[in-house]
């Protein structure tokens, strides 16, 4: 038992010395070195986070711009479709009115109504193809 008792006292003494060493102040140069390393490490970490944030912002701006472009194209398509539907309705009314005429007048009236519809269709096609 003598050996284990002396080992116990040796471990206790080592523990006390280690604990006493933990509470001792470091030299100003050592502290300044620790501070400098902590600042540099923190600055690198912040810089990486800022870079990541900037890349995320760029991706999101690109996605938003793409979504806005798509929405604008859909709005234009819808407006063109509405205008084309109106042109077709107007043509049907004009053709119905042409029925009151006879012969060459009726033919000229129909040609004019159908010609206006053809122009509206060409404009609609040009607008939609210009979006690609």
Protein backbone atom coordinates (compact mmCIF):
# COMPACT_ATOMS: atom_id res chain seq x y z
CA UNK A 1 0.00 0.00 0.00
CA UNK A 2 2.89 2.33 0.44
CA UNK A 3 3.46 2.53 -3.25
CA UNK A 4 -0.17 3.34 -4.09
CA UNK A 5 -0.29 5.97 -1.34
CA UNK A 6 2.79 7.73 -2.66
CA UNK A 7 1.36 7.52 -6.19
CA UNK A 8 -1.86 9.01 -4.93
CA UNK A 9 0.07 11.92 -3.36
CA UNK A 10 2.07 12.38 -6.54
CA UNK A 11 -1.06 12.54 -8.70
CA UNK A 12 -2.68 14.93 -6.23
CA UNK A 13 0.36 17.19 -6.26
CA UNK A 14 0.47 17.15 -10.06
CA UNK A 15 -3.20 18.02 -10.23
CA UNK A 16 -2.77 20.91 -7.78
CA UNK A 17 0.23 22.24 -9.73
CA UNK A 18 -1.68 21.97 -13.01
CA UNK A 19 -4.67 23.78 -11.55
CA UNK A 20 -2.46 26.47 -10.10
CA UNK A 21 -0.86 26.90 -13.52
CA UNK A 22 -4.27 27.43 -15.15
CA UNK A 23 -5.01 30.44 -13.03
CA UNK A 24 -1.75 32.23 -13.64
CA UNK A 25 -1.78 35.26 -15.94
CA UNK A 26 0.00 34.95 -19.26
CA UNK A 27 2.58 37.43 -20.36
CA UNK A 28 1.30 40.47 -22.32
CA UNK A 29 3.13 39.25 -25.44
CA UNK A 30 1.50 35.83 -25.19
CA UNK A 31 -1.93 37.40 -24.65
CA UNK A 32 -1.41 39.74 -27.61
CA UNK A 33 -0.44 36.78 -29.78
CA UNK A 34 -3.61 34.93 -28.74
CA UNK A 35 -5.69 38.04 -29.43
CA UNK A 36 -4.10 38.50 -32.86
CA UNK A 37 -4.74 34.86 -33.78
CA UNK A 38 -8.36 35.07 -32.59
CA UNK A 39 -8.92 38.29 -34.55
CA UNK A 40 -7.38 36.83 -37.72
CA UNK A 41 -9.42 33.65 -37.37
CA UNK A 42 -12.60 35.65 -36.80
CA UNK A 43 -11.88 37.92 -39.77
CA UNK A 44 -11.39 34.90 -42.04
CA UNK A 45 -14.61 33.33 -40.81
CA UNK A 46 -16.55 36.57 -41.38
CA UNK A 47 -15.02 36.98 -44.85
CA UNK A 48 -16.05 33.44 -45.83
CA UNK A 49 -19.58 34.08 -44.54
CA UNK A 50 -19.78 37.37 -46.45
CA UNK A 51 -18.59 35.67 -49.65
CA UNK A 52 -21.21 32.96 -49.20
CA UNK A 53 -23.87 35.58 -48.60
CA UNK A 54 -22.85 37.50 -51.74
CA UNK A 55 -23.00 34.33 -53.86
CA UNK A 56 -26.43 33.52 -52.44
CA UNK A 57 -27.63 37.06 -53.14
CA UNK A 58 -26.42 36.81 -56.74
CA UNK A 59 -28.18 33.47 -57.25
CA UNK A 60 -31.40 34.83 -55.79
CA UNK A 61 -31.25 38.01 -57.89
CA UNK A 62 -30.79 35.87 -60.98
CA UNK A 63 -33.74 33.69 -60.01
CA UNK A 64 -35.91 36.74 -59.35
CA UNK A 65 -34.94 38.31 -62.68
CA UNK A 66 -35.75 35.06 -64.48
CA UNK A 67 -39.12 34.81 -62.72
CA UNK A 68 -39.92 38.44 -63.58
CA UNK A 69 -39.00 37.83 -67.23
CA UNK A 70 -41.21 34.75 -67.32
CA UNK A 71 -44.11 36.60 -65.68
CA UNK A 72 -43.75 39.50 -68.10
CA UNK A 73 -43.77 37.13 -71.06
CA UNK A 74 -46.89 35.45 -69.73
CA UNK A 75 -48.57 38.84 -69.31
CA UNK A 76 -47.71 39.80 -72.88
CA UNK A 77 -48.99 36.45 -74.16
CA UNK A 78 -52.25 36.91 -72.27
CA UNK A 79 -52.67 40.46 -73.60
CA UNK A 80 -51.97 39.31 -77.16
CA UNK A 81 -54.43 36.44 -76.79
CA UNK A 82 -57.08 38.88 -75.54
CA UNK A 83 -56.45 41.26 -78.42
CA UNK A 84 -56.62 38.37 -80.88
CA UNK A 85 -59.91 37.14 -79.38
CA UNK A 86 -61.30 40.66 -79.73
CA UNK A 87 -60.16 40.81 -83.36
CA UNK A 88 -61.83 37.49 -84.08
CA UNK A 89 -65.06 38.66 -82.42
CA UNK A 90 -64.97 41.91 -84.39
CA UNK A 91 -64.44 39.92 -87.60
CA UNK A 92 -67.48 37.75 -86.90
CA UNK A 93 -69.59 40.87 -86.35
CA UNK A 94 -68.23 42.48 -89.53
CA UNK A 95 -68.92 39.32 -91.55
CA UNK A 96 -72.47 39.20 -90.21
CA UNK A 97 -72.97 42.81 -91.30
CA UNK A 98 -71.59 41.93 -94.73
CA UNK A 99 -74.61 39.66 -95.19
CA UNK A 100 -76.75 42.76 -95.72
CA UNK A 101 -74.80 43.49 -98.89
CA UNK A 102 -74.99 41.69 -102.20
CA UNK A 103 -72.59 40.65 -104.92
CA UNK A 104 -69.26 42.43 -105.22
CA UNK A 105 -69.98 44.67 -102.21
CA UNK A 106 -70.49 41.64 -100.00
CA UNK A 107 -67.27 40.06 -101.29
CA UNK A 108 -65.31 43.29 -100.73
CA UNK A 109 -66.79 43.60 -97.22
CA UNK A 110 -65.77 40.02 -96.36
CA UNK A 111 -62.31 40.49 -97.83
CA UNK A 112 -61.81 43.63 -95.72
CA UNK A 113 -63.00 41.92 -92.51
CA UNK A 114 -60.82 38.85 -93.12
CA UNK A 115 -57.88 41.07 -94.09
CA UNK A 116 -58.09 42.92 -90.76
CA UNK A 117 -58.16 39.60 -88.91
CA UNK A 118 -55.09 38.42 -90.87
CA UNK A 119 -53.26 41.61 -89.89
CA UNK A 120 -54.18 41.08 -86.21
CA UNK A 121 -52.96 37.47 -86.38
CA UNK A 122 -49.67 38.54 -87.99
CA UNK A 123 -49.10 41.16 -85.30
CA UNK A 124 -49.87 38.63 -82.56
CA UNK A 125 -47.46 36.11 -84.07
CA UNK A 126 -44.73 38.75 -84.38
CA UNK A 127 -45.16 39.86 -80.78
CA UNK A 128 -45.04 36.32 -79.44
CA UNK A 129 -42.06 35.30 -81.58
CA UNK A 130 -40.19 38.44 -80.47
CA UNK A 131 -40.24 37.23 -76.87
CA UNK A 132 -38.03 34.19 -77.44
